[in-house]
Amino acid sequence: MSLRVTFVAAARSSPLLAERFEDDRPLDQGGWDEVQRVAAVLLPLAAADLRFCSPTPRSRATGDALGYTPLVQPALRDCGMGRWRGLTLGEAMAREPQAVDAWLADPRSSPHGGESMMEFISRVGGWLDTRPVEDGGRVVAVAEPAVIRAALVYALKAPPSTYWNIDVRPLSTTTLTGQARRWNLRFDGAPGQPARA
């Protein structure tokens, strides 16, 4: 038996250029409006056997607003950014340009004092690999875009640098099928079509 894990990207809490590392801000009005616009399309995912979310306020609020009543999963938290927590990339670059360059170039580095990109990808991958198949074949998880990018890099066994080339939009869905260490990316259809759990 295989699992089908559908990730739903949390609605936004700020404009793209104002995104902050480990952002704990709640949904902004634009995020709430976006959830209301797509709720009918994403509501069928509530039929999943298991429903989870990242611990961030916006992930929990997105899951609740979509009727998922998700269980918080600490392993689905954003990358631990140490002293850069709460900063934008531009702010971190202004304060520590060489450290940011090192972090972007080497997935094993953690000049900010938090997790390296490799540690982050491994943590999210470990969560994927420990989903018990016998607990249910369909899982939905509302998560931060960074978490979904990490899950895709892990599942596809892609080089860590691929992380920077994956664009995950708010309220988009991404489905992985398979089981521990054997995952496939699944495309569910064109935008606007009902989501399937």
Protein backbone atom coordinates (compact mmCIF):
# COMPACT_ATOMS: atom_id res chain seq x y z
CA MET A 1 0.00 0.00 0.00
CA SER A 2 1.22 3.52 -0.71
CA LEU A 3 0.46 6.90 0.78
CA ARG A 4 -0.77 10.02 -0.93
CA VAL A 5 0.48 13.11 0.89
CA THR A 6 -0.98 16.36 -0.38
CA PHE A 7 0.72 19.51 0.82
CA VAL A 8 -1.29 22.73 0.82
CA ALA A 9 0.85 25.86 1.00
CA ALA A 10 -0.25 28.21 3.78
CA ALA A 11 -1.97 31.42 2.77
CA ARG A 12 0.21 34.50 2.91
CA SER A 13 0.93 36.66 5.89
CA SER A 14 2.82 39.37 3.99
CA PRO A 15 3.78 40.43 0.46
CA LEU A 16 6.44 38.19 -1.11
CA LEU A 17 9.30 40.69 -0.68
CA ALA A 18 8.45 41.13 3.01
CA GLU A 19 8.63 37.38 3.84
CA ARG A 20 10.64 36.74 6.95
CA PHE A 21 12.65 33.75 8.11
CA GLU A 22 10.60 31.63 10.55
CA ASP A 23 7.70 34.06 10.19
CA ASP A 24 5.28 33.74 13.12
CA ARG A 25 2.86 36.39 11.92
CA PRO A 26 -0.82 35.45 11.44
CA LEU A 27 -2.61 35.65 8.10
CA ASP A 28 -3.01 39.16 6.77
CA GLN A 29 -6.29 40.31 5.23
CA GLY A 30 -5.07 39.34 1.76
CA GLY A 31 -4.35 35.83 3.03
CA TRP A 32 -7.83 35.49 4.54
CA ASP A 33 -9.37 36.74 1.27
CA GLU A 34 -7.35 34.18 -0.73
CA VAL A 35 -8.48 31.34 1.54
CA GLN A 36 -12.12 32.34 1.04
CA ARG A 37 -11.67 32.42 -2.77
CA VAL A 38 -10.23 28.89 -2.97
CA ALA A 39 -12.01 27.21 -0.06
CA ALA A 40 -14.55 25.40 -2.25
CA VAL A 41 -11.77 23.92 -4.39
CA LEU A 42 -9.61 22.80 -1.44
CA LEU A 43 -12.40 21.67 0.88
CA PRO A 44 -12.52 18.09 -0.52
CA LEU A 45 -9.02 17.52 0.92
CA ALA A 46 -10.66 17.54 4.37
CA ALA A 47 -11.74 13.95 3.59
CA ALA A 48 -8.11 12.81 4.03
CA ASP A 49 -7.51 10.08 6.59
CA LEU A 50 -4.99 12.27 8.44
CA ARG A 51 -4.71 16.08 8.48
CA PHE A 52 -1.61 17.91 9.70
CA CYS A 53 -0.09 21.39 9.66
CA SER A 54 3.10 23.30 10.41
CA PRO A 55 3.14 24.96 13.83
CA THR A 56 3.07 28.51 12.40
CA PRO A 57 -0.01 30.66 13.03
CA ARG A 58 -0.70 31.07 9.33
CA SER A 59 -0.51 27.32 8.62
CA ARG A 60 -2.86 26.53 11.51
CA ALA A 61 -5.26 29.31 10.47
CA THR A 62 -5.22 28.16 6.84
CA GLY A 63 -5.97 24.57 7.84
CA ASP A 64 -8.75 25.60 10.19
CA ALA A 65 -10.30 27.99 7.65
CA LEU A 66 -10.36 25.16 5.09
CA GLY A 67 -12.15 22.88 7.56
CA TYR A 68 -9.25 20.45 8.03
CA THR A 69 -8.87 20.83 11.83
CA PRO A 70 -5.22 19.76 11.41
CA LEU A 71 -2.93 18.31 14.04
CA VAL A 72 0.23 20.41 14.53
CA GLN A 73 3.43 18.61 13.54
CA PRO A 74 6.64 20.14 14.97
CA ALA A 75 8.69 18.31 12.29
CA LEU A 76 6.92 20.47 9.67
CA ARG A 77 8.24 23.72 11.13
CA ASP A 78 10.21 26.10 8.94
CA CYS A 79 14.00 25.93 8.77
CA GLY A 80 15.58 27.02 12.06
CA MET A 81 17.29 30.29 11.17
CA GLY A 82 19.06 31.11 14.43
CA ARG A 83 19.88 34.81 14.74
CA TRP A 84 18.27 35.55 11.34
CA ARG A 85 14.85 34.58 12.66
CA GLY A 86 12.34 37.31 11.85
CA LEU A 87 14.58 38.97 9.24
CA THR A 88 13.96 39.23 5.52
CA LEU A 89 16.68 37.92 3.21
CA GLY A 90 17.55 41.52 2.36
CA GLU A 91 17.93 42.43 6.05
CA ALA A 92 20.16 39.41 6.69
CA MET A 93 22.23 40.31 3.62
CA ALA A 94 22.65 43.90 4.83
CA ARG A 95 23.88 42.70 8.24
CA GLU A 96 25.98 39.69 7.25
CA PRO A 97 26.60 39.57 3.48
CA GLN A 98 29.39 36.97 3.58
CA ALA A 99 27.42 34.70 5.91
CA VAL A 100 24.37 34.85 3.63
CA ASP A 101 26.54 34.08 0.60
CA ALA A 102 28.03 31.07 2.41
CA TRP A 103 24.57 29.84 3.43
CA LEU A 104 23.22 30.14 -0.12
CA ALA A 105 26.27 28.38 -1.61
CA ASP A 106 26.76 25.50 0.84
CA PRO A 107 23.74 23.43 1.98
CA ARG A 108 25.78 22.10 4.94
CA SER A 109 26.51 25.55 6.35
CA SER A 110 24.57 27.27 9.11
CA PRO A 111 26.30 30.61 9.67
CA HIS A 112 23.15 31.95 11.35
CA GLY A 113 23.45 29.43 14.17
CA GLY A 114 20.35 27.46 13.22
CA GLU A 115 19.77 24.49 10.93
CA SER A 116 21.68 23.92 7.73
CA MET A 117 19.64 23.39 4.57
CA MET A 118 20.68 19.70 4.63
CA GLU A 119 19.42 19.31 8.20
CA PHE A 120 16.15 21.00 7.29
CA ILE A 121 15.58 18.82 4.21
CA SER A 122 16.45 15.69 6.21
CA ARG A 123 14.04 16.62 9.01
CA VAL A 124 11.12 17.16 6.63
CA GLY A 125 12.07 13.99 4.73
CA GLY A 126 12.16 12.06 7.98
CA TRP A 127 8.61 13.19 8.70
CA LEU A 128 7.52 11.96 5.26
CA ASP A 129 9.25 8.62 5.70
CA THR A 130 7.68 7.95 9.09
CA ARG A 131 4.07 8.35 7.96
CA PRO A 132 2.65 4.88 8.69
CA VAL A 133 0.87 3.48 5.67
CA GLU A 134 -1.54 1.51 7.86
CA ASP A 135 -2.79 4.74 9.52
CA GLY A 136 -4.47 5.80 6.30
CA GLY A 137 -3.65 6.16 2.67
CA ARG A 138 -4.52 9.86 2.28
CA VAL A 139 -2.77 12.64 4.17
CA VAL A 140 -3.13 16.41 3.84
CA ALA A 141 -0.58 18.77 5.39
CA VAL A 142 -0.81 22.56 5.42
CA ALA A 143 2.74 23.87 5.52
CA GLU A 144 4.97 26.81 4.84
CA PRO A 145 6.26 27.01 1.25
CA ALA A 146 9.82 26.37 2.52
CA VAL A 147 8.69 23.07 4.07
CA ILE A 148 7.06 21.96 0.82
CA ARG A 149 10.21 22.83 -1.16
CA ALA A 150 12.27 20.77 1.31
CA ALA A 151 9.84 17.83 0.97
CA LEU A 152 10.11 17.94 -2.83
CA VAL A 153 13.92 18.03 -2.79
CA TYR A 154 13.94 15.05 -0.41
CA ALA A 155 11.28 13.04 -2.24
CA LEU A 156 12.85 13.51 -5.66
CA LYS A 157 16.38 12.89 -4.33
CA ALA A 158 17.36 16.14 -6.00
CA PRO A 159 20.55 18.07 -5.21
CA PRO A 160 19.98 20.49 -2.30
CA SER A 161 20.61 23.45 -4.62
CA THR A 162 17.33 22.54 -6.34
CA TYR A 163 15.54 23.99 -3.30
CA TRP A 164 16.18 27.51 -4.61
CA ASN A 165 14.56 26.69 -7.96
CA ILE A 166 11.19 25.51 -6.65
CA ASP A 167 8.40 28.08 -6.49
CA VAL A 168 5.56 27.23 -4.11
CA ARG A 169 2.69 29.69 -4.24
CA PRO A 170 0.30 30.34 -1.35
CA LEU A 171 -2.61 27.86 -1.32
CA SER A 172 -1.10 25.72 -4.08
CA THR A 173 -1.24 21.94 -3.71
CA THR A 174 1.56 19.45 -4.25
CA THR A 175 1.04 15.70 -3.99
CA LEU A 176 3.62 13.01 -3.27
CA THR A 177 2.73 9.33 -3.57
CA GLY A 178 4.66 6.33 -2.32
CA GLN A 179 6.22 5.25 0.95
CA ALA A 180 9.43 5.64 2.93
CA ARG A 181 12.36 6.64 0.69
CA ARG A 182 10.30 5.90 -2.47
CA TRP A 183 8.29 8.98 -3.40
CA ASN A 184 6.85 10.24 -6.66
CA LEU A 185 5.58 13.69 -7.54
CA ARG A 186 2.00 13.64 -8.74
CA PHE A 187 0.28 16.37 -10.75
CA ASP A 188 -3.43 16.41 -9.91
CA GLY A 189 -4.76 18.49 -12.76
CA ALA A 190 -5.24 22.02 -13.97
CA PRO A 191 -5.81 24.92 -11.58
CA GLY A 192 -9.45 25.44 -10.71
CA GLN A 193 -10.30 21.76 -10.80
CA PRO A 194 -11.49 20.25 -7.53
CA ALA A 195 -8.66 18.96 -5.35
CA ARG A 196 -8.61 15.24 -4.54
CA ALA A 197 -7.42 13.84 -1.26
